[in-house]
Amino acid sequence: MNAKELSPIAIDDTGGYTVRIDYDGSNNPIYIGKADIATVTATPLWQIQKLTYTGSNLTSVTWADGNDSFDNVWDNRASLTYV
């Protein structure tokens, strides 16, 4: 990954999910993951989105594997295919 990877943070969302957000060196969120509360980040139970920017403008939001299924590993977010 070319972007500087900062430590992701986890927040408890009101929908009963844990949400993790990974930021680039400009403090833009680049990956957003969602899973059931207490899901281990190494298990394939995550729904992951990738946010792409042009300058400081958000230009696209894509999904790991091209879908919103909860079947990805958060720890592998940088190497997944996004469509």
C-alpha atoms as a PDB file:
ATOM      1  CA  MET A   1       0.000   0.000   0.000  1.00  0.00           C
ATOM      2  CA  ASN A   2       1.395   3.422  -0.944  1.00  0.00           C
ATOM      3  CA  ALA A   3      -0.622   5.375   1.601  1.00  0.00           C
ATOM      4  CA  LYS A   4       0.710   5.636   5.109  1.00  0.00           C
ATOM      5  CA  GLU A   5      -1.268   3.176   7.188  1.00  0.00           C
ATOM      6  CA  LEU A   6      -2.266   4.424  10.596  1.00  0.00           C
ATOM      7  CA  SER A   7      -3.617   2.201  13.307  1.00  0.00           C
ATOM      8  CA  PRO A   8      -7.296   1.476  12.697  1.00  0.00           C
ATOM      9  CA  ILE A   9      -9.804   2.449  15.325  1.00  0.00           C
ATOM     10  CA  ALA A  10     -12.854   0.484  16.374  1.00  0.00           C
ATOM     11  CA  ILE A  11     -16.176   1.978  17.356  1.00  0.00           C
ATOM     12  CA  ASP A  12     -19.405   0.367  18.479  1.00  0.00           C
ATOM     13  CA  ASP A  13     -22.169   1.410  16.132  1.00  0.00           C
ATOM     14  CA  THR A  14     -25.814   1.504  17.205  1.00  0.00           C
ATOM     15  CA  GLY A  15     -26.662  -1.282  14.744  1.00  0.00           C
ATOM     16  CA  GLY A  16     -24.987  -3.923  16.897  1.00  0.00           C
ATOM     17  CA  TYR A  17     -21.818  -3.993  14.803  1.00  0.00           C
ATOM     18  CA  THR A  18     -18.197  -3.164  15.403  1.00  0.00           C
ATOM     19  CA  VAL A  19     -16.901  -0.686  12.846  1.00  0.00           C
ATOM     20  CA  ARG A  20     -13.187  -0.336  12.079  1.00  0.00           C
ATOM     21  CA  ILE A  21     -11.756   2.572  10.120  1.00  0.00           C
ATOM     22  CA  ASP A  22      -8.264   2.720   8.616  1.00  0.00           C
ATOM     23  CA  TYR A  23      -6.837   6.129   7.630  1.00  0.00           C
ATOM     24  CA  ASP A  24      -4.217   7.216   5.104  1.00  0.00           C
ATOM     25  CA  GLY A  25      -1.362   9.666   5.770  1.00  0.00           C
ATOM     26  CA  SER A  26      -3.673  12.631   5.089  1.00  0.00           C
ATOM     27  CA  ASN A  27      -6.101  11.395   7.756  1.00  0.00           C
ATOM     28  CA  ASN A  28      -8.685  10.347   5.151  1.00  0.00           C
ATOM     29  CA  PRO A  29     -10.582   7.149   5.937  1.00  0.00           C
ATOM     30  CA  ILE A  30      -9.619   4.617   3.254  1.00  0.00           C
ATOM     31  CA  TYR A  31     -11.076   1.358   4.570  1.00  0.00           C
ATOM     32  CA  ILE A  32     -14.261   0.881   6.568  1.00  0.00           C
ATOM     33  CA  GLY A  33     -15.045  -2.551   7.964  1.00  0.00           C
ATOM     34  CA  LYS A  34     -18.135  -3.765   9.765  1.00  0.00           C
ATOM     35  CA  ALA A  35     -18.748  -7.031  11.629  1.00  0.00           C
ATOM     36  CA  ASP A  36     -20.664  -8.409  14.573  1.00  0.00           C
ATOM     37  CA  ILE A  37     -19.421  -7.096  17.917  1.00  0.00           C
ATOM     38  CA  ALA A  38     -16.306  -8.915  19.189  1.00  0.00           C
ATOM     39  CA  THR A  39     -15.477 -10.423  15.766  1.00  0.00           C
ATOM     40  CA  VAL A  40     -11.762 -11.140  15.516  1.00  0.00           C
ATOM     41  CA  THR A  41     -10.086  -9.170  12.695  1.00  0.00           C
ATOM     42  CA  ALA A  42      -8.420 -12.327  11.313  1.00  0.00           C
ATOM     43  CA  THR A  43     -11.733 -14.124  10.639  1.00  0.00           C
ATOM     44  CA  PRO A  44     -13.627 -13.952   7.304  1.00  0.00           C
ATOM     45  CA  LEU A  45     -16.687 -12.268   8.796  1.00  0.00           C
ATOM     46  CA  TRP A  46     -16.137  -8.638   7.748  1.00  0.00           C
ATOM     47  CA  GLN A  47     -17.906  -6.371   5.277  1.00  0.00           C
ATOM     48  CA  ILE A  48     -15.255  -3.983   3.892  1.00  0.00           C
ATOM     49  CA  GLN A  49     -15.437  -0.821   1.795  1.00  0.00           C
ATOM     50  CA  LYS A  50     -12.559   1.070   0.191  1.00  0.00           C
ATOM     51  CA  LEU A  51     -12.776   4.847  -0.244  1.00  0.00           C
ATOM     52  CA  THR A  52     -10.772   6.481  -3.043  1.00  0.00           C
ATOM     53  CA  TYR A  53      -9.862  10.153  -3.223  1.00  0.00           C
ATOM     54  CA  THR A  54      -8.703  12.610  -5.869  1.00  0.00           C
ATOM     55  CA  GLY A  55      -6.925  15.237  -3.852  1.00  0.00           C
ATOM     56  CA  SER A  56      -9.161  15.745  -0.837  1.00  0.00           C
ATOM     57  CA  ASN A  57     -12.357  14.796  -2.703  1.00  0.00           C
ATOM     58  CA  LEU A  58     -13.943  11.389  -2.187  1.00  0.00           C
ATOM     59  CA  THR A  59     -14.399  10.000  -5.708  1.00  0.00           C
ATOM     60  CA  SER A  60     -15.494   6.386  -5.228  1.00  0.00           C
ATOM     61  CA  VAL A  61     -16.602   3.799  -2.712  1.00  0.00           C
ATOM     62  CA  THR A  62     -16.033   0.173  -3.665  1.00  0.00           C
ATOM     63  CA  TRP A  63     -16.658  -3.150  -1.908  1.00  0.00           C
ATOM     64  CA  ALA A  64     -14.275  -6.032  -1.205  1.00  0.00           C
ATOM     65  CA  ASP A  65     -15.057  -8.778  -3.741  1.00  0.00           C
ATOM     66  CA  GLY A  66     -17.556  -6.388  -5.359  1.00  0.00           C
ATOM     67  CA  ASN A  67     -20.300  -7.128  -2.824  1.00  0.00           C
ATOM     68  CA  ASP A  68     -21.514  -6.221   0.647  1.00  0.00           C
ATOM     69  CA  SER A  69     -21.199  -9.744   2.072  1.00  0.00           C
ATOM     70  CA  PHE A  70     -19.701 -10.320   5.506  1.00  0.00           C
ATOM     71  CA  ASP A  71     -17.059 -12.745   4.196  1.00  0.00           C
ATOM     72  CA  ASN A  72     -13.740 -10.885   4.213  1.00  0.00           C
ATOM     73  CA  VAL A  73     -10.804 -10.689   6.625  1.00  0.00           C
ATOM     74  CA  TRP A  74     -10.211  -7.191   7.999  1.00  0.00           C
ATOM     75  CA  ASP A  75      -6.492  -7.899   8.445  1.00  0.00           C
ATOM     76  CA  ASN A  76      -6.242  -8.540   4.666  1.00  0.00           C
ATOM     77  CA  ARG A  77      -8.058  -5.340   3.617  1.00  0.00           C
ATOM     78  CA  ALA A  78      -5.119  -3.855   1.689  1.00  0.00           C
ATOM     79  CA  SER A  79      -4.679  -6.940  -0.514  1.00  0.00           C
ATOM     80  CA  LEU A  80      -8.361  -7.598  -1.337  1.00  0.00           C
ATOM     81  CA  THR A  81      -9.943  -6.854  -4.707  1.00  0.00           C
ATOM     82  CA  TYR A  82     -12.424  -3.955  -4.659  1.00  0.00           C
ATOM     83  CA  VAL A  83     -15.137  -3.405  -7.253  1.00  0.00           C
END
